[in-house]
Amino acid sequence: MTVNENKNQSDTEYKIKNIYLFSVDLEDVRFCMDGGLNYAERVPLMTEKYLSFLDEHSCKTTFFVVGDVAKAYPELISRIVQKGHEIACHTNKHVPLVNMDIKTFQKDLAENMKTIYDAGVKSIYGFRAPIFSITEKTLWVYKALADMGFIYSSSVLPAKNPLYGWSEFGRNVRLMESKIWELPMSLFKSSLVSFPYAGGIYFRLLPFFVTKNLVKNAWKKNQPVLGYAHPYDIDQEQEHFMHPDINNNKVYNKLMYVNRGTILKKAGKIISMGGKIIPYIDYVNEILVKT
């Protein structure tokens, strides 16, 4: 499968400036661990903190929801919807795509969608792969998404990465051959390193003056800033354990707990710079589709 080179950010003059596509990957890491339920429940409390933050700044965003979270906390999903936020899919069990084929993925995604619909969601348009695991090896996912009625994905880390990355994808939004929009993570790139500066652990660790300059540079090019956060990214009281999906890397696991008190403060600073947080589907419909 190839990508359509005719539609990308560099070709487009956006009507809305300073887009900040902040998002929440709503997952409960306990569900991915042996004995995980022995640890304290934290997802509902952290989600309420995100909702309060978004209310405070009069913003609506996108929550990429894992199916087992929607099944465990249907009232929480309903509350997110009542607040006016978008709900999108993040697979049913948070399994990286490399561990599936198209048939198992379709079954998994159908279950993910069912749990979300059962929680009261009326429409689902977007998808995010666990750990940004869409790469050259998993391009079959776009056909599957198109066949199941999706409009966009935000599942590519356009850099080399110890886990999953697709450095050849490029840094711009693209319309894939299957007519699915792919919105890759915003990237800091140098001759030595590349990483998604507005999301997760990278967002927590970077000094804000660096992030601020990167955000301004993106906006000068009329590019959106794409970021992501998890419930644990703001949880300063969570018990310490080896997080799943990091290959038992002790150094990386230690970093999982650093600067958790900074995420919302930094996101707030980006808003104060003029950043406009909107749901991903609004960005696709109002900016990509209409231009």
C-alpha atoms as a PDB file:
ATOM      1  CA  MET A   1       0.000   0.000   0.000  1.00  0.00           C
ATOM      2  CA  THR A   2       1.222   3.466  -0.809  1.00  0.00           C
ATOM      3  CA  VAL A   3       0.257   6.881   0.469  1.00  0.00           C
ATOM      4  CA  ASN A   4      -1.258   9.759  -1.441  1.00  0.00           C
ATOM      5  CA  GLU A   5       1.355  12.491  -1.693  1.00  0.00           C
ATOM      6  CA  ASN A   6      -1.076  15.088  -3.014  1.00  0.00           C
ATOM      7  CA  LYS A   7      -2.649  15.915   0.344  1.00  0.00           C
ATOM      8  CA  ASN A   8      -0.419  16.987   3.201  1.00  0.00           C
ATOM      9  CA  GLN A   9       0.052  19.832   5.587  1.00  0.00           C
ATOM     10  CA  SER A  10       2.697  21.651   3.555  1.00  0.00           C
ATOM     11  CA  ASP A  11       0.184  22.090   0.707  1.00  0.00           C
ATOM     12  CA  THR A  12      -2.550  23.521   2.900  1.00  0.00           C
ATOM     13  CA  GLU A  13      -3.285  26.974   4.299  1.00  0.00           C
ATOM     14  CA  TYR A  14      -5.354  26.299   7.379  1.00  0.00           C
ATOM     15  CA  LYS A  15      -8.265  28.521   8.313  1.00  0.00           C
ATOM     16  CA  ILE A  16      -7.692  27.847  12.005  1.00  0.00           C
ATOM     17  CA  LYS A  17      -4.297  28.716  13.453  1.00  0.00           C
ATOM     18  CA  ASN A  18      -2.383  27.309  16.410  1.00  0.00           C
ATOM     19  CA  ILE A  19      -4.051  23.902  16.555  1.00  0.00           C
ATOM     20  CA  TYR A  20      -3.048  21.830  19.585  1.00  0.00           C
ATOM     21  CA  LEU A  21      -4.344  18.272  19.178  1.00  0.00           C
ATOM     22  CA  PHE A  22      -3.978  17.268  22.797  1.00  0.00           C
ATOM     23  CA  SER A  23      -5.491  13.831  23.423  1.00  0.00           C
ATOM     24  CA  VAL A  24      -5.879  11.240  26.166  1.00  0.00           C
ATOM     25  CA  ASP A  25      -5.119   7.551  25.629  1.00  0.00           C
ATOM     26  CA  LEU A  26      -7.590   6.113  28.106  1.00  0.00           C
ATOM     27  CA  GLU A  27      -6.096   2.830  29.224  1.00  0.00           C
ATOM     28  CA  ASP A  28      -5.643   1.046  32.548  1.00  0.00           C
ATOM     29  CA  VAL A  29      -2.161  -0.465  32.649  1.00  0.00           C
ATOM     30  CA  ARG A  30      -3.277  -2.859  35.386  1.00  0.00           C
ATOM     31  CA  PHE A  31      -5.361  -4.740  32.827  1.00  0.00           C
ATOM     32  CA  CYS A  32      -2.203  -5.576  30.835  1.00  0.00           C
ATOM     33  CA  MET A  33      -0.288  -7.021  33.796  1.00  0.00           C
ATOM     34  CA  ASP A  34      -0.317 -10.333  35.630  1.00  0.00           C
ATOM     35  CA  GLY A  35      -1.715  -9.522  39.046  1.00  0.00           C
ATOM     36  CA  GLY A  36      -2.375  -5.952  37.965  1.00  0.00           C
ATOM     37  CA  LEU A  37      -5.658  -5.729  39.827  1.00  0.00           C
ATOM     38  CA  ASN A  38      -3.739  -6.016  43.097  1.00  0.00           C
ATOM     39  CA  TYR A  39      -2.731  -2.390  42.522  1.00  0.00           C
ATOM     40  CA  ALA A  40      -5.008   0.542  43.310  1.00  0.00           C
ATOM     41  CA  GLU A  41      -7.616   1.735  40.811  1.00  0.00           C
ATOM     42  CA  ARG A  42      -6.527   5.128  39.472  1.00  0.00           C
ATOM     43  CA  VAL A  43      -8.059   5.668  36.028  1.00  0.00           C
ATOM     44  CA  PRO A  44     -11.396   7.236  37.060  1.00  0.00           C
ATOM     45  CA  LEU A  45      -9.715   9.769  39.351  1.00  0.00           C
ATOM     46  CA  MET A  46      -7.116  10.759  36.749  1.00  0.00           C
ATOM     47  CA  THR A  47      -9.768  11.038  34.062  1.00  0.00           C
ATOM     48  CA  GLU A  48     -11.709  13.443  36.260  1.00  0.00           C
ATOM     49  CA  LYS A  49      -8.545  15.549  36.532  1.00  0.00           C
ATOM     50  CA  TYR A  50      -8.326  15.706  32.743  1.00  0.00           C
ATOM     51  CA  LEU A  51     -11.992  16.636  32.504  1.00  0.00           C
ATOM     52  CA  SER A  52     -11.578  19.397  35.090  1.00  0.00           C
ATOM     53  CA  PHE A  53      -8.549  20.744  33.232  1.00  0.00           C
ATOM     54  CA  LEU A  54     -10.435  20.780  29.936  1.00  0.00           C
ATOM     55  CA  ASP A  55     -13.462  22.444  31.566  1.00  0.00           C
ATOM     56  CA  GLU A  56     -11.203  25.075  33.092  1.00  0.00           C
ATOM     57  CA  HIS A  57      -9.862  25.980  29.657  1.00  0.00           C
ATOM     58  CA  SER A  58     -13.202  25.532  27.812  1.00  0.00           C
ATOM     59  CA  CYS A  59     -11.671  22.867  25.539  1.00  0.00           C
ATOM     60  CA  LYS A  60     -12.982  19.715  23.915  1.00  0.00           C
ATOM     61  CA  THR A  61     -10.601  16.920  22.992  1.00  0.00           C
ATOM     62  CA  THR A  62     -10.401  13.273  21.920  1.00  0.00           C
ATOM     63  CA  PHE A  63     -10.155  10.304  24.264  1.00  0.00           C
ATOM     64  CA  PHE A  64      -8.749   7.168  22.592  1.00  0.00           C
ATOM     65  CA  VAL A  65     -10.392   4.444  24.657  1.00  0.00           C
ATOM     66  CA  VAL A  66      -9.321   0.826  25.143  1.00  0.00           C
ATOM     67  CA  GLY A  67     -12.256  -1.578  25.132  1.00  0.00           C
ATOM     68  CA  ASP A  68     -11.521  -3.137  28.494  1.00  0.00           C
ATOM     69  CA  VAL A  69     -11.603   0.336  30.060  1.00  0.00           C
ATOM     70  CA  ALA A  70     -14.974   1.115  28.473  1.00  0.00           C
ATOM     71  CA  LYS A  71     -16.274  -2.217  29.768  1.00  0.00           C
ATOM     72  CA  ALA A  72     -14.932  -1.629  33.285  1.00  0.00           C
ATOM     73  CA  TYR A  73     -16.001   2.029  33.505  1.00  0.00           C
ATOM     74  CA  PRO A  74     -19.027   2.620  31.246  1.00  0.00           C
ATOM     75  CA  GLU A  75     -20.251   5.473  33.450  1.00  0.00           C
ATOM     76  CA  LEU A  76     -16.899   7.210  32.979  1.00  0.00           C
ATOM     77  CA  ILE A  77     -17.205   6.987  29.198  1.00  0.00           C
ATOM     78  CA  SER A  78     -20.720   8.379  29.419  1.00  0.00           C
ATOM     79  CA  ARG A  79     -19.454  11.273  31.509  1.00  0.00           C
ATOM     80  CA  ILE A  80     -16.749  12.088  28.948  1.00  0.00           C
ATOM     81  CA  VAL A  81     -19.393  12.124  26.208  1.00  0.00           C
ATOM     82  CA  GLN A  82     -21.727  14.294  28.273  1.00  0.00           C
ATOM     83  CA  LYS A  83     -18.875  16.800  28.577  1.00  0.00           C
ATOM     84  CA  GLY A  84     -18.796  17.051  24.776  1.00  0.00           C
ATOM     85  CA  HIS A  85     -15.540  15.219  24.056  1.00  0.00           C
ATOM     86  CA  GLU A  86     -14.887  12.783  21.225  1.00  0.00           C
ATOM     87  CA  ILE A  87     -14.468   9.065  21.908  1.00  0.00           C
ATOM     88  CA  ALA A  88     -12.210   7.099  19.550  1.00  0.00           C
ATOM     89  CA  CYS A  89     -10.862   3.525  19.550  1.00  0.00           C
ATOM     90  CA  HIS A  90      -7.566   2.294  20.999  1.00  0.00           C
ATOM     91  CA  THR A  91      -8.155  -1.476  20.435  1.00  0.00           C
ATOM     92  CA  ASN A  92      -9.924  -3.812  22.821  1.00  0.00           C
ATOM     93  CA  LYS A  93      -6.986  -5.127  24.875  1.00  0.00           C
ATOM     94  CA  HIS A  94      -4.156  -2.713  23.982  1.00  0.00           C
ATOM     95  CA  VAL A  95      -2.275  -5.298  21.926  1.00  0.00           C
ATOM     96  CA  PRO A  96       0.311  -3.903  19.440  1.00  0.00           C
ATOM     97  CA  LEU A  97      -0.685  -4.439  15.813  1.00  0.00           C
ATOM     98  CA  VAL A  98       2.408  -6.522  15.067  1.00  0.00           C
ATOM     99  CA  ASN A  99       0.822  -9.220  17.225  1.00  0.00           C
ATOM    100  CA  MET A 100      -2.308  -9.336  15.060  1.00  0.00           C
ATOM    101  CA  ASP A 101      -3.309  -9.966  11.488  1.00  0.00           C
ATOM    102  CA  ILE A 102      -6.182  -8.311   9.672  1.00  0.00           C
ATOM    103  CA  LYS A 103      -8.768 -10.870  10.823  1.00  0.00           C
ATOM    104  CA  THR A 104      -7.808 -10.791  14.501  1.00  0.00           C
ATOM    105  CA  PHE A 105      -7.621  -7.009  14.330  1.00  0.00           C
ATOM    106  CA  GLN A 106     -11.100  -6.709  12.859  1.00  0.00           C
ATOM    107  CA  LYS A 107     -12.474  -8.926  15.633  1.00  0.00           C
ATOM    108  CA  ASP A 108     -10.610  -6.956  18.294  1.00  0.00           C
ATOM    109  CA  LEU A 109     -11.748  -3.608  16.907  1.00  0.00           C
ATOM    110  CA  ALA A 110     -15.359  -4.757  16.643  1.00  0.00           C
ATOM    111  CA  GLU A 111     -15.248  -5.638  20.349  1.00  0.00           C
ATOM    112  CA  ASN A 112     -13.640  -2.277  21.120  1.00  0.00           C
ATOM    113  CA  MET A 113     -16.425  -0.481  19.256  1.00  0.00           C
ATOM    114  CA  LYS A 114     -19.153  -2.526  20.954  1.00  0.00           C
ATOM    115  CA  THR A 115     -17.975  -1.656  24.461  1.00  0.00           C
ATOM    116  CA  ILE A 116     -17.849   2.011  23.524  1.00  0.00           C
ATOM    117  CA  TYR A 117     -21.291   1.975  21.924  1.00  0.00           C
ATOM    118  CA  ASP A 118     -22.659   0.104  24.956  1.00  0.00           C
ATOM    119  CA  ALA A 119     -21.409   2.990  27.116  1.00  0.00           C
ATOM    120  CA  GLY A 120     -23.587   5.415  25.177  1.00  0.00           C
ATOM    121  CA  VAL A 121     -21.312   6.694  22.408  1.00  0.00           C
ATOM    122  CA  LYS A 122     -23.241   7.393  19.204  1.00  0.00           C
ATOM    123  CA  SER A 123     -20.457   7.683  16.604  1.00  0.00           C
ATOM    124  CA  ILE A 124     -16.846   6.552  16.292  1.00  0.00           C
ATOM    125  CA  TYR A 125     -14.550   8.029  13.657  1.00  0.00           C
ATOM    126  CA  GLY A 126     -10.981   7.665  14.905  1.00  0.00           C
ATOM    127  CA  PHE A 127      -8.404   5.068  15.875  1.00  0.00           C
ATOM    128  CA  ARG A 128      -5.040   4.989  17.592  1.00  0.00           C
ATOM    129  CA  ALA A 129      -2.851   1.890  17.566  1.00  0.00           C
ATOM    130  CA  PRO A 130      -1.315   0.837  20.873  1.00  0.00           C
ATOM    131  CA  ILE A 131       2.238   2.184  21.219  1.00  0.00           C
ATOM    132  CA  PHE A 132       1.933   3.817  17.773  1.00  0.00           C
ATOM    133  CA  SER A 133       2.422   0.411  16.189  1.00  0.00           C
ATOM    134  CA  ILE A 134       1.384   1.253  12.641  1.00  0.00           C
ATOM    135  CA  THR A 135       4.550   0.778  10.603  1.00  0.00           C
ATOM    136  CA  GLU A 136       5.471  -0.451   7.131  1.00  0.00           C
ATOM    137  CA  LYS A 137       4.704  -3.968   8.442  1.00  0.00           C
ATOM    138  CA  THR A 138       1.128  -3.214   9.465  1.00  0.00           C
ATOM    139  CA  LEU A 139      -0.232  -1.215   6.523  1.00  0.00           C
ATOM    140  CA  TRP A 140      -3.109  -3.683   6.209  1.00  0.00           C
ATOM    141  CA  VAL A 141      -4.728  -1.833   9.097  1.00  0.00           C
ATOM    142  CA  TYR A 142      -5.844   1.051   6.860  1.00  0.00           C
ATOM    143  CA  LYS A 143      -8.038  -1.153   4.698  1.00  0.00           C
ATOM    144  CA  ALA A 144      -9.525  -2.697   7.807  1.00  0.00           C
ATOM    145  CA  LEU A 145     -10.280   0.745   9.240  1.00  0.00           C
ATOM    146  CA  ALA A 146     -11.862   1.914   5.990  1.00  0.00           C
ATOM    147  CA  ASP A 147     -13.992  -1.227   5.746  1.00  0.00           C
ATOM    148  CA  MET A 148     -15.256  -0.608   9.289  1.00  0.00           C
ATOM    149  CA  GLY A 149     -16.234   2.996   8.617  1.00  0.00           C
ATOM    150  CA  PHE A 150     -13.388   4.912  10.233  1.00  0.00           C
ATOM    151  CA  ILE A 151     -12.233   8.291   8.936  1.00  0.00           C
ATOM    152  CA  TYR A 152      -8.857   8.853  10.563  1.00  0.00           C
ATOM    153  CA  SER A 153      -6.010   7.278  12.483  1.00  0.00           C
ATOM    154  CA  SER A 154      -3.363   8.854  14.689  1.00  0.00           C
ATOM    155  CA  SER A 155      -1.049   5.896  15.049  1.00  0.00           C
ATOM    156  CA  VAL A 156       2.331   6.693  13.501  1.00  0.00           C
ATOM    157  CA  LEU A 157       5.511   7.740  15.240  1.00  0.00           C
ATOM    158  CA  PRO A 158       7.505   9.043  12.240  1.00  0.00           C
ATOM    159  CA  ALA A 159      10.923   8.247  13.695  1.00  0.00           C
ATOM    160  CA  LYS A 160      13.157   5.363  14.632  1.00  0.00           C
ATOM    161  CA  ASN A 161      12.168   4.076  18.050  1.00  0.00           C
ATOM    162  CA  PRO A 162      13.153   1.166  20.336  1.00  0.00           C
ATOM    163  CA  LEU A 163       9.548  -0.056  20.218  1.00  0.00           C
ATOM    164  CA  TYR A 164       7.717   1.001  17.042  1.00  0.00           C
ATOM    165  CA  GLY A 165       8.446   3.722  14.539  1.00  0.00           C
ATOM    166  CA  TRP A 166       8.050   4.547  10.860  1.00  0.00           C
ATOM    167  CA  SER A 167      10.750   7.068  10.046  1.00  0.00           C
ATOM    168  CA  GLU A 168      10.025   7.050   6.303  1.00  0.00           C
ATOM    169  CA  PHE A 169       6.423   8.167   6.800  1.00  0.00           C
ATOM    170  CA  GLY A 170       7.345  11.830   7.071  1.00  0.00           C
ATOM    171  CA  ARG A 171       6.071  14.463   9.435  1.00  0.00           C
ATOM    172  CA  ASN A 172       2.930  15.596   7.605  1.00  0.00           C
ATOM    173  CA  VAL A 173      -0.680  14.458   7.758  1.00  0.00           C
ATOM    174  CA  ARG A 174      -1.445  12.167   4.840  1.00  0.00           C
ATOM    175  CA  LEU A 175      -4.464  10.700   3.155  1.00  0.00           C
ATOM    176  CA  MET A 176      -3.716   7.015   2.764  1.00  0.00           C
ATOM    177  CA  GLU A 177      -4.679   5.022  -0.284  1.00  0.00           C
ATOM    178  CA  SER A 178      -7.653   3.577   1.592  1.00  0.00           C
ATOM    179  CA  LYS A 179      -8.901   7.176   2.203  1.00  0.00           C
ATOM    180  CA  ILE A 180      -8.036   7.083   5.897  1.00  0.00           C
ATOM    181  CA  TRP A 181      -6.345  10.237   7.166  1.00  0.00           C
ATOM    182  CA  GLU A 182      -3.193   9.482   9.160  1.00  0.00           C
ATOM    183  CA  LEU A 183      -2.188  12.126  11.692  1.00  0.00           C
ATOM    184  CA  PRO A 184       1.374  11.346  12.875  1.00  0.00           C
ATOM    185  CA  MET A 185       2.839  12.549  16.132  1.00  0.00           C
ATOM    186  CA  SER A 186       4.621  15.909  16.145  1.00  0.00           C
ATOM    187  CA  LEU A 187       8.341  15.261  16.074  1.00  0.00           C
ATOM    188  CA  PHE A 188      11.523  16.851  17.298  1.00  0.00           C
ATOM    189  CA  LYS A 189      14.215  15.782  14.862  1.00  0.00           C
ATOM    190  CA  SER A 190      17.960  16.308  14.829  1.00  0.00           C
ATOM    191  CA  SER A 191      20.956  14.464  13.420  1.00  0.00           C
ATOM    192  CA  LEU A 192      21.224  12.557  16.703  1.00  0.00           C
ATOM    193  CA  VAL A 193      17.705  11.935  18.007  1.00  0.00           C
ATOM    194  CA  SER A 194      14.048  12.106  17.054  1.00  0.00           C
ATOM    195  CA  PHE A 195      11.098  11.897  19.414  1.00  0.00           C
ATOM    196  CA  PRO A 196       7.463  13.063  19.835  1.00  0.00           C
ATOM    197  CA  TYR A 197       7.999  16.217  21.879  1.00  0.00           C
ATOM    198  CA  ALA A 198       4.337  16.852  22.785  1.00  0.00           C
ATOM    199  CA  GLY A 199       3.412  13.463  24.192  1.00  0.00           C
ATOM    200  CA  GLY A 200       3.829  11.249  27.213  1.00  0.00           C
ATOM    201  CA  ILE A 201       7.229  10.799  28.765  1.00  0.00           C
ATOM    202  CA  TYR A 202       8.932  13.114  26.262  1.00  0.00           C
ATOM    203  CA  PHE A 203       6.538  15.940  27.077  1.00  0.00           C
ATOM    204  CA  ARG A 204       7.193  15.397  30.784  1.00  0.00           C
ATOM    205  CA  LEU A 205      10.977  15.339  30.496  1.00  0.00           C
ATOM    206  CA  LEU A 206      11.625  18.185  28.058  1.00  0.00           C
ATOM    207  CA  PRO A 207      12.244  21.629  29.579  1.00  0.00           C
ATOM    208  CA  PHE A 208       9.287  23.769  28.609  1.00  0.00           C
ATOM    209  CA  PHE A 209      11.366  26.420  26.845  1.00  0.00           C
ATOM    210  CA  VAL A 210      12.371  23.709  24.359  1.00  0.00           C
ATOM    211  CA  THR A 211       8.783  22.566  23.910  1.00  0.00           C
ATOM    212  CA  LYS A 212       7.649  26.173  23.543  1.00  0.00           C
ATOM    213  CA  ASN A 213      10.056  26.790  20.652  1.00  0.00           C
ATOM    214  CA  LEU A 214       9.047  23.560  18.922  1.00  0.00           C
ATOM    215  CA  VAL A 215       5.361  24.442  19.241  1.00  0.00           C
ATOM    216  CA  LYS A 216       5.929  27.945  17.850  1.00  0.00           C
ATOM    217  CA  ASN A 217       7.891  26.533  14.920  1.00  0.00           C
ATOM    218  CA  ALA A 218       5.068  24.135  14.080  1.00  0.00           C
ATOM    219  CA  TRP A 219       2.472  26.896  14.197  1.00  0.00           C
ATOM    220  CA  LYS A 220       4.585  29.179  12.004  1.00  0.00           C
ATOM    221  CA  LYS A 221       4.355  26.431   9.363  1.00  0.00           C
ATOM    222  CA  ASN A 222       0.575  26.156   9.914  1.00  0.00           C
ATOM    223  CA  GLN A 223       1.081  22.662  11.269  1.00  0.00           C
ATOM    224  CA  PRO A 224      -0.894  21.269  14.205  1.00  0.00           C
ATOM    225  CA  VAL A 225       0.871  20.120  17.352  1.00  0.00           C
ATOM    226  CA  LEU A 226      -0.145  16.548  18.133  1.00  0.00           C
ATOM    227  CA  GLY A 227       0.262  15.271  21.666  1.00  0.00           C
ATOM    228  CA  TYR A 228      -0.985  12.492  23.890  1.00  0.00           C
ATOM    229  CA  ALA A 229      -1.166  11.648  27.558  1.00  0.00           C
ATOM    230  CA  HIS A 230      -2.318   8.712  29.670  1.00  0.00           C
ATOM    231  CA  PRO A 231      -3.993   8.547  33.071  1.00  0.00           C
ATOM    232  CA  TYR A 232      -0.663   7.589  34.642  1.00  0.00           C
ATOM    233  CA  ASP A 233       1.127  10.580  33.095  1.00  0.00           C
ATOM    234  CA  ILE A 234      -0.490  12.881  35.658  1.00  0.00           C
ATOM    235  CA  ASP A 235      -0.692  10.394  38.543  1.00  0.00           C
ATOM    236  CA  GLN A 236       1.807  11.397  41.218  1.00  0.00           C
ATOM    237  CA  GLU A 237       0.520   8.856  43.759  1.00  0.00           C
ATOM    238  CA  GLN A 238       0.421   5.689  41.666  1.00  0.00           C
ATOM    239  CA  GLU A 239       2.253   2.690  43.089  1.00  0.00           C
ATOM    240  CA  HIS A 240       5.546   1.825  41.427  1.00  0.00           C
ATOM    241  CA  PHE A 241       5.648  -1.292  39.265  1.00  0.00           C
ATOM    242  CA  MET A 242       7.148  -2.449  35.994  1.00  0.00           C
ATOM    243  CA  HIS A 243       4.944  -0.999  33.272  1.00  0.00           C
ATOM    244  CA  PRO A 244       3.865  -3.309  30.450  1.00  0.00           C
ATOM    245  CA  ASP A 245       4.921  -2.832  26.820  1.00  0.00           C
ATOM    246  CA  ILE A 246       8.413  -1.441  27.544  1.00  0.00           C
ATOM    247  CA  ASN A 247      10.313  -4.739  27.268  1.00  0.00           C
ATOM    248  CA  ASN A 248      11.155  -4.761  31.006  1.00  0.00           C
ATOM    249  CA  ASN A 249      13.528  -1.843  30.513  1.00  0.00           C
ATOM    250  CA  LYS A 250      14.355  -0.664  34.051  1.00  0.00           C
ATOM    251  CA  VAL A 251      15.714   2.708  32.943  1.00  0.00           C
ATOM    252  CA  TYR A 252      12.667   3.499  30.839  1.00  0.00           C
ATOM    253  CA  ASN A 253      10.407   2.289  33.632  1.00  0.00           C
ATOM    254  CA  LYS A 254      12.062   4.695  36.052  1.00  0.00           C
ATOM    255  CA  LEU A 255      11.417   7.521  33.619  1.00  0.00           C
ATOM    256  CA  MET A 256       7.739   6.549  33.554  1.00  0.00           C
ATOM    257  CA  TYR A 257       7.409   8.145  36.985  1.00  0.00           C
ATOM    258  CA  VAL A 258       9.390  11.360  36.412  1.00  0.00           C
ATOM    259  CA  ASN A 259       7.725  14.808  36.257  1.00  0.00           C
ATOM    260  CA  ARG A 260       4.170  13.544  36.397  1.00  0.00           C
ATOM    261  CA  GLY A 261       3.101  16.824  37.940  1.00  0.00           C
ATOM    262  CA  THR A 262       4.034  18.806  34.832  1.00  0.00           C
ATOM    263  CA  ILE A 263       1.727  17.513  32.079  1.00  0.00           C
ATOM    264  CA  LEU A 264      -1.313  19.673  32.769  1.00  0.00           C
ATOM    265  CA  LYS A 265       0.807  22.699  33.631  1.00  0.00           C
ATOM    266  CA  LYS A 266       2.644  22.449  30.315  1.00  0.00           C
ATOM    267  CA  ALA A 267      -0.550  21.842  28.365  1.00  0.00           C
ATOM    268  CA  GLY A 268      -2.019  24.904  30.038  1.00  0.00           C
ATOM    269  CA  LYS A 269       0.983  26.965  28.979  1.00  0.00           C
ATOM    270  CA  ILE A 270       0.514  25.888  25.366  1.00  0.00           C
ATOM    271  CA  ILE A 271      -3.112  27.017  25.586  1.00  0.00           C
ATOM    272  CA  SER A 272      -1.948  30.356  27.035  1.00  0.00           C
ATOM    273  CA  MET A 273       0.315  30.726  23.979  1.00  0.00           C
ATOM    274  CA  GLY A 274      -2.833  30.719  21.850  1.00  0.00           C
ATOM    275  CA  GLY A 275      -3.135  26.983  21.345  1.00  0.00           C
ATOM    276  CA  LYS A 276      -6.598  25.742  20.393  1.00  0.00           C
ATOM    277  CA  ILE A 277      -7.478  22.247  21.597  1.00  0.00           C
ATOM    278  CA  ILE A 278     -10.162  20.654  19.413  1.00  0.00           C
ATOM    279  CA  PRO A 279     -11.323  17.061  18.864  1.00  0.00           C
ATOM    280  CA  TYR A 280      -9.431  15.207  16.162  1.00  0.00           C
ATOM    281  CA  ILE A 281     -12.578  14.676  14.117  1.00  0.00           C
ATOM    282  CA  ASP A 282     -13.193  18.436  14.060  1.00  0.00           C
ATOM    283  CA  TYR A 283      -9.663  18.978  12.765  1.00  0.00           C
ATOM    284  CA  VAL A 284     -10.223  16.398  10.031  1.00  0.00           C
ATOM    285  CA  ASN A 285     -13.653  17.693   8.997  1.00  0.00           C
ATOM    286  CA  GLU A 286     -13.110  21.428   9.332  1.00  0.00           C
ATOM    287  CA  ILE A 287      -9.526  21.715   8.132  1.00  0.00           C
ATOM    288  CA  LEU A 288      -8.386  18.680   6.155  1.00  0.00           C
ATOM    289  CA  VAL A 289     -11.595  17.773   4.332  1.00  0.00           C
ATOM    290  CA  LYS A 290     -12.637  21.346   3.544  1.00  0.00           C
ATOM    291  CA  THR A 291      -9.284  22.437   2.090  1.00  0.00           C
END
